Amino acid sequence: MTAGDGRIQRHEEMVKITQRGQFLIAGAGEVAPCDIAQHIWKPPNPKGTEWNDIYHFMVAKVIPSLKACFKQQEYKWDKEEEEKFNFLIALSGQVFEIADDMSIALDSTGFYGIGSGSSYAIGALEAGATMEQALDIAARNDAYTSPPFLYYTQNSESKITKGK
């Protein structure tokens, strides 16, 4: 992680992407909400027909559950201030971008990125770079993006594999 003063903080337990049951959660921005979402929150699991519309499930069940966890942890944020955090949450092979106002965005390109280097990485992917090349390009061009990079792959059955 890169602190606001530019200092790089590395430790194997401090990661920007975690697995919580069937969910993958990546966080960027302020550390407190990322820690809550990635280490304290217990995401609800879809049941029965909820698997038929994962977007609706995210809006109707996941986001209210995350908001409740923030409240329980007494995390408060001022929506009038500049952007505080973003999440990418994957479930059943679908990626959802969650803004700090708890809105959900989808992108038909399938390219998602959060954090200060994400514009570089997404641009590189759009230009045909591999994921590894895109991460390297982002790290070379953004002072707050640095390896080591950790990534996961999730398919539609929520089977997850880890890579570096």
C-alpha atoms as a PDB file:
ATOM      1  CA  MET A   1       0.000   0.000   0.000  1.00  0.00           C
ATOM      2  CA  THR A   2       1.075   3.537  -0.566  1.00  0.00           C
ATOM      3  CA  ALA A   3       0.332   6.039   2.172  1.00  0.00           C
ATOM      4  CA  GLY A   4      -0.841   9.563   1.423  1.00  0.00           C
ATOM      5  CA  ASP A   5       2.693  10.832   1.981  1.00  0.00           C
ATOM      6  CA  GLY A   6       4.040   8.496  -0.726  1.00  0.00           C
ATOM      7  CA  ARG A   7       5.586   6.003   1.714  1.00  0.00           C
ATOM      8  CA  ILE A   8       5.174   2.392   0.594  1.00  0.00           C
ATOM      9  CA  GLN A   9       3.948   0.035   3.306  1.00  0.00           C
ATOM     10  CA  ARG A  10       4.296  -3.677   2.622  1.00  0.00           C
ATOM     11  CA  HIS A  11       3.296  -6.656   4.665  1.00  0.00           C
ATOM     12  CA  GLU A  12       1.940 -10.010   3.494  1.00  0.00           C
ATOM     13  CA  GLU A  13      -1.250  -9.533   5.532  1.00  0.00           C
ATOM     14  CA  MET A  14      -1.977  -6.102   4.058  1.00  0.00           C
ATOM     15  CA  VAL A  15      -3.551  -6.914   0.711  1.00  0.00           C
ATOM     16  CA  LYS A  16      -5.936  -4.980  -1.493  1.00  0.00           C
ATOM     17  CA  ILE A  17      -7.986  -8.012  -2.510  1.00  0.00           C
ATOM     18  CA  THR A  18      -9.498 -10.673  -0.281  1.00  0.00           C
ATOM     19  CA  GLN A  19     -11.821 -13.623  -0.556  1.00  0.00           C
ATOM     20  CA  ARG A  20     -14.884 -13.622   1.703  1.00  0.00           C
ATOM     21  CA  GLY A  21     -16.819 -16.799   1.065  1.00  0.00           C
ATOM     22  CA  GLN A  22     -17.988 -16.688  -2.553  1.00  0.00           C
ATOM     23  CA  PHE A  23     -17.020 -13.024  -2.909  1.00  0.00           C
ATOM     24  CA  LEU A  24     -13.816 -11.358  -4.015  1.00  0.00           C
ATOM     25  CA  ILE A  25     -13.433  -7.860  -2.588  1.00  0.00           C
ATOM     26  CA  ALA A  26     -10.817  -5.371  -3.773  1.00  0.00           C
ATOM     27  CA  GLY A  27     -10.493  -2.013  -2.080  1.00  0.00           C
ATOM     28  CA  ALA A  28      -8.771   1.274  -2.806  1.00  0.00           C
ATOM     29  CA  GLY A  29      -8.665   4.580  -0.994  1.00  0.00           C
ATOM     30  CA  GLU A  30      -9.181   5.102   2.703  1.00  0.00           C
ATOM     31  CA  VAL A  31      -8.018   2.079   4.676  1.00  0.00           C
ATOM     32  CA  ALA A  32     -10.743   1.890   7.361  1.00  0.00           C
ATOM     33  CA  PRO A  33     -13.681   1.089   5.030  1.00  0.00           C
ATOM     34  CA  CYS A  34     -11.482  -1.315   3.074  1.00  0.00           C
ATOM     35  CA  ASP A  35     -10.566  -3.130   6.300  1.00  0.00           C
ATOM     36  CA  ILE A  36     -14.223  -3.329   7.328  1.00  0.00           C
ATOM     37  CA  ALA A  37     -15.360  -4.667   3.952  1.00  0.00           C
ATOM     38  CA  GLN A  38     -12.480  -7.088   3.552  1.00  0.00           C
ATOM     39  CA  HIS A  39     -12.046  -8.427   7.081  1.00  0.00           C
ATOM     40  CA  ILE A  40     -15.147  -7.795   9.221  1.00  0.00           C
ATOM     41  CA  TRP A  41     -18.168  -7.809   6.896  1.00  0.00           C
ATOM     42  CA  LYS A  42     -19.932 -11.116   6.322  1.00  0.00           C
ATOM     43  CA  PRO A  43     -21.501 -10.824   2.854  1.00  0.00           C
ATOM     44  CA  PRO A  44     -24.868 -12.490   2.329  1.00  0.00           C
ATOM     45  CA  ASN A  45     -24.941 -15.481   0.003  1.00  0.00           C
ATOM     46  CA  PRO A  46     -27.502 -15.698  -2.801  1.00  0.00           C
ATOM     47  CA  LYS A  47     -30.132 -18.389  -2.370  1.00  0.00           C
ATOM     48  CA  GLY A  48     -32.402 -20.078  -4.893  1.00  0.00           C
ATOM     49  CA  THR A  49     -33.660 -17.697  -7.561  1.00  0.00           C
ATOM     50  CA  GLU A  50     -31.401 -14.863  -6.338  1.00  0.00           C
ATOM     51  CA  TRP A  51     -28.697 -16.469  -8.502  1.00  0.00           C
ATOM     52  CA  ASN A  52     -30.784 -15.551 -11.555  1.00  0.00           C
ATOM     53  CA  ASP A  53     -30.222 -11.804 -11.115  1.00  0.00           C
ATOM     54  CA  ILE A  54     -26.932 -11.134  -9.344  1.00  0.00           C
ATOM     55  CA  TYR A  55     -27.140  -7.373 -10.046  1.00  0.00           C
ATOM     56  CA  HIS A  56     -30.484  -7.159  -8.229  1.00  0.00           C
ATOM     57  CA  PHE A  57     -29.075  -9.264  -5.389  1.00  0.00           C
ATOM     58  CA  MET A  58     -26.141  -6.835  -5.084  1.00  0.00           C
ATOM     59  CA  VAL A  59     -28.473  -3.813  -4.930  1.00  0.00           C
ATOM     60  CA  ALA A  60     -31.123  -5.367  -2.683  1.00  0.00           C
ATOM     61  CA  LYS A  61     -29.032  -7.476  -0.289  1.00  0.00           C
ATOM     62  CA  VAL A  62     -25.277  -6.896  -0.548  1.00  0.00           C
ATOM     63  CA  ILE A  63     -25.159  -3.099  -0.386  1.00  0.00           C
ATOM     64  CA  PRO A  64     -27.614  -2.837   2.564  1.00  0.00           C
ATOM     65  CA  SER A  65     -25.571  -5.510   4.375  1.00  0.00           C
ATOM     66  CA  LEU A  66     -22.329  -3.589   3.799  1.00  0.00           C
ATOM     67  CA  LYS A  67     -23.927  -0.310   4.936  1.00  0.00           C
ATOM     68  CA  ALA A  68     -25.158  -2.040   8.109  1.00  0.00           C
ATOM     69  CA  CYS A  69     -21.657  -3.347   8.807  1.00  0.00           C
ATOM     70  CA  PHE A  70     -20.192   0.154   8.388  1.00  0.00           C
ATOM     71  CA  LYS A  71     -22.787   1.488  10.821  1.00  0.00           C
ATOM     72  CA  GLN A  72     -22.108  -1.325  13.310  1.00  0.00           C
ATOM     73  CA  GLN A  73     -18.388  -0.543  13.125  1.00  0.00           C
ATOM     74  CA  GLU A  74     -19.215   3.162  13.604  1.00  0.00           C
ATOM     75  CA  TYR A  75     -17.572   4.138  10.340  1.00  0.00           C
ATOM     76  CA  LYS A  76     -18.819   7.532   9.204  1.00  0.00           C
ATOM     77  CA  TRP A  77     -18.028   9.269   5.977  1.00  0.00           C
ATOM     78  CA  ASP A  78     -18.982  12.652   4.624  1.00  0.00           C
ATOM     79  CA  LYS A  79     -20.428  12.253   1.149  1.00  0.00           C
ATOM     80  CA  GLU A  80     -19.739  15.947   0.504  1.00  0.00           C
ATOM     81  CA  GLU A  81     -15.984  15.441   0.728  1.00  0.00           C
ATOM     82  CA  GLU A  82     -13.811  14.084  -2.045  1.00  0.00           C
ATOM     83  CA  GLU A  83     -14.006  10.411  -2.913  1.00  0.00           C
ATOM     84  CA  LYS A  84     -12.948   8.252   0.041  1.00  0.00           C
ATOM     85  CA  PHE A  85     -12.931   4.665  -1.214  1.00  0.00           C
ATOM     86  CA  ASN A  86     -13.967   2.296  -3.991  1.00  0.00           C
ATOM     87  CA  PHE A  87     -14.503  -1.433  -4.098  1.00  0.00           C
ATOM     88  CA  LEU A  88     -14.615  -4.029  -6.799  1.00  0.00           C
ATOM     89  CA  ILE A  89     -16.780  -6.911  -5.660  1.00  0.00           C
ATOM     90  CA  ALA A  90     -16.934 -10.086  -7.731  1.00  0.00           C
ATOM     91  CA  LEU A  91     -19.588 -12.736  -7.358  1.00  0.00           C
ATOM     92  CA  SER A  92     -20.347 -15.547  -9.759  1.00  0.00           C
ATOM     93  CA  GLY A  93     -17.812 -14.235 -12.260  1.00  0.00           C
ATOM     94  CA  GLN A  94     -19.424 -10.772 -12.406  1.00  0.00           C
ATOM     95  CA  VAL A  95     -17.586  -7.642 -11.270  1.00  0.00           C
ATOM     96  CA  PHE A  96     -19.391  -4.744  -9.599  1.00  0.00           C
ATOM     97  CA  GLU A  97     -17.750  -1.382  -8.972  1.00  0.00           C
ATOM     98  CA  ILE A  98     -18.940   0.137  -5.700  1.00  0.00           C
ATOM     99  CA  ALA A  99     -18.409   3.861  -5.145  1.00  0.00           C
ATOM    100  CA  ASP A 100     -18.181   5.463  -1.722  1.00  0.00           C
ATOM    101  CA  ASP A 101     -21.826   6.551  -2.012  1.00  0.00           C
ATOM    102  CA  MET A 102     -22.619   2.811  -2.263  1.00  0.00           C
ATOM    103  CA  SER A 103     -23.783   3.057  -5.857  1.00  0.00           C
ATOM    104  CA  ILE A 104     -23.056   0.121  -8.161  1.00  0.00           C
ATOM    105  CA  ALA A 105     -21.591   0.507 -11.632  1.00  0.00           C
ATOM    106  CA  LEU A 106     -21.176  -2.066 -14.379  1.00  0.00           C
ATOM    107  CA  ASP A 107     -19.065  -1.699 -17.521  1.00  0.00           C
ATOM    108  CA  SER A 108     -19.827  -3.551 -20.743  1.00  0.00           C
ATOM    109  CA  THR A 109     -16.113  -3.633 -21.655  1.00  0.00           C
ATOM    110  CA  GLY A 110     -15.431  -5.933 -18.723  1.00  0.00           C
ATOM    111  CA  PHE A 111     -12.426  -3.797 -17.726  1.00  0.00           C
ATOM    112  CA  TYR A 112     -12.531  -2.578 -14.143  1.00  0.00           C
ATOM    113  CA  GLY A 113     -10.009  -0.775 -12.033  1.00  0.00           C
ATOM    114  CA  ILE A 114      -9.949   1.258  -8.861  1.00  0.00           C
ATOM    115  CA  GLY A 115      -7.219   3.281  -7.229  1.00  0.00           C
ATOM    116  CA  SER A 116      -4.877   5.911  -8.537  1.00  0.00           C
ATOM    117  CA  GLY A 117      -3.245   3.766 -11.229  1.00  0.00           C
ATOM    118  CA  SER A 118      -6.468   2.329 -12.604  1.00  0.00           C
ATOM    119  CA  SER A 119      -6.742   4.741 -15.552  1.00  0.00           C
ATOM    120  CA  TYR A 120      -3.316   3.671 -16.780  1.00  0.00           C
ATOM    121  CA  ALA A 121      -4.111  -0.021 -16.364  1.00  0.00           C
ATOM    122  CA  ILE A 122      -7.503   0.205 -18.056  1.00  0.00           C
ATOM    123  CA  GLY A 123      -6.035   2.202 -20.943  1.00  0.00           C
ATOM    124  CA  ALA A 124      -3.323  -0.408 -21.379  1.00  0.00           C
ATOM    125  CA  LEU A 125      -5.902  -3.219 -21.374  1.00  0.00           C
ATOM    126  CA  GLU A 126      -7.987  -1.362 -23.947  1.00  0.00           C
ATOM    127  CA  ALA A 127      -4.848  -1.103 -26.103  1.00  0.00           C
ATOM    128  CA  GLY A 128      -4.306  -4.872 -25.932  1.00  0.00           C
ATOM    129  CA  ALA A 129      -1.906  -5.293 -23.000  1.00  0.00           C
ATOM    130  CA  THR A 130      -2.073  -8.380 -20.818  1.00  0.00           C
ATOM    131  CA  MET A 131      -3.148  -7.940 -17.209  1.00  0.00           C
ATOM    132  CA  GLU A 132       0.463  -8.216 -16.062  1.00  0.00           C
ATOM    133  CA  GLN A 133       1.623  -5.638 -18.621  1.00  0.00           C
ATOM    134  CA  ALA A 134      -1.199  -3.285 -17.640  1.00  0.00           C
ATOM    135  CA  LEU A 135      -0.229  -3.483 -13.965  1.00  0.00           C
ATOM    136  CA  ASP A 136       3.411  -2.806 -14.851  1.00  0.00           C
ATOM    137  CA  ILE A 137       2.410   0.214 -16.959  1.00  0.00           C
ATOM    138  CA  ALA A 138       0.292   1.570 -14.105  1.00  0.00           C
ATOM    139  CA  ALA A 139       3.169   1.134 -11.633  1.00  0.00           C
ATOM    140  CA  ARG A 140       5.612   2.927 -13.950  1.00  0.00           C
ATOM    141  CA  ASN A 141       3.288   5.888 -14.425  1.00  0.00           C
ATOM    142  CA  ASP A 142       1.637   6.333 -11.035  1.00  0.00           C
ATOM    143  CA  ALA A 143       3.639   6.993  -7.868  1.00  0.00           C
ATOM    144  CA  TYR A 144       0.940   5.383  -5.709  1.00  0.00           C
ATOM    145  CA  THR A 145       0.816   2.082  -7.623  1.00  0.00           C
ATOM    146  CA  SER A 146       3.423  -0.531  -6.821  1.00  0.00           C
ATOM    147  CA  PRO A 147       3.987  -4.278  -6.855  1.00  0.00           C
ATOM    148  CA  PRO A 148       3.707  -6.927  -5.647  1.00  0.00           C
ATOM    149  CA  PHE A 149       0.402  -7.463  -7.446  1.00  0.00           C
ATOM    150  CA  LEU A 150      -2.000 -10.161  -6.337  1.00  0.00           C
ATOM    151  CA  TYR A 151      -4.893 -11.300  -8.489  1.00  0.00           C
ATOM    152  CA  TYR A 152      -7.661 -13.842  -8.420  1.00  0.00           C
ATOM    153  CA  THR A 153      -9.771 -15.443 -11.129  1.00  0.00           C
ATOM    154  CA  GLN A 154     -13.422 -16.274 -10.489  1.00  0.00           C
ATOM    155  CA  ASN A 155     -15.757 -18.158 -12.811  1.00  0.00           C
ATOM    156  CA  SER A 156     -19.559 -18.111 -12.932  1.00  0.00           C
ATOM    157  CA  GLU A 157     -19.770 -20.902 -10.344  1.00  0.00           C
ATOM    158  CA  SER A 158     -17.787 -18.647  -7.948  1.00  0.00           C
ATOM    159  CA  LYS A 159     -14.787 -20.973  -8.085  1.00  0.00           C
ATOM    160  CA  ILE A 160     -11.742 -18.851  -7.226  1.00  0.00           C
ATOM    161  CA  THR A 161      -8.072 -19.313  -8.067  1.00  0.00           C
ATOM    162  CA  LYS A 162      -5.264 -17.152  -6.751  1.00  0.00           C
ATOM    163  CA  GLY A 163      -2.300 -15.888  -8.752  1.00  0.00           C
ATOM    164  CA  LYS A 164       0.665 -13.526  -8.458  1.00  0.00           C
END
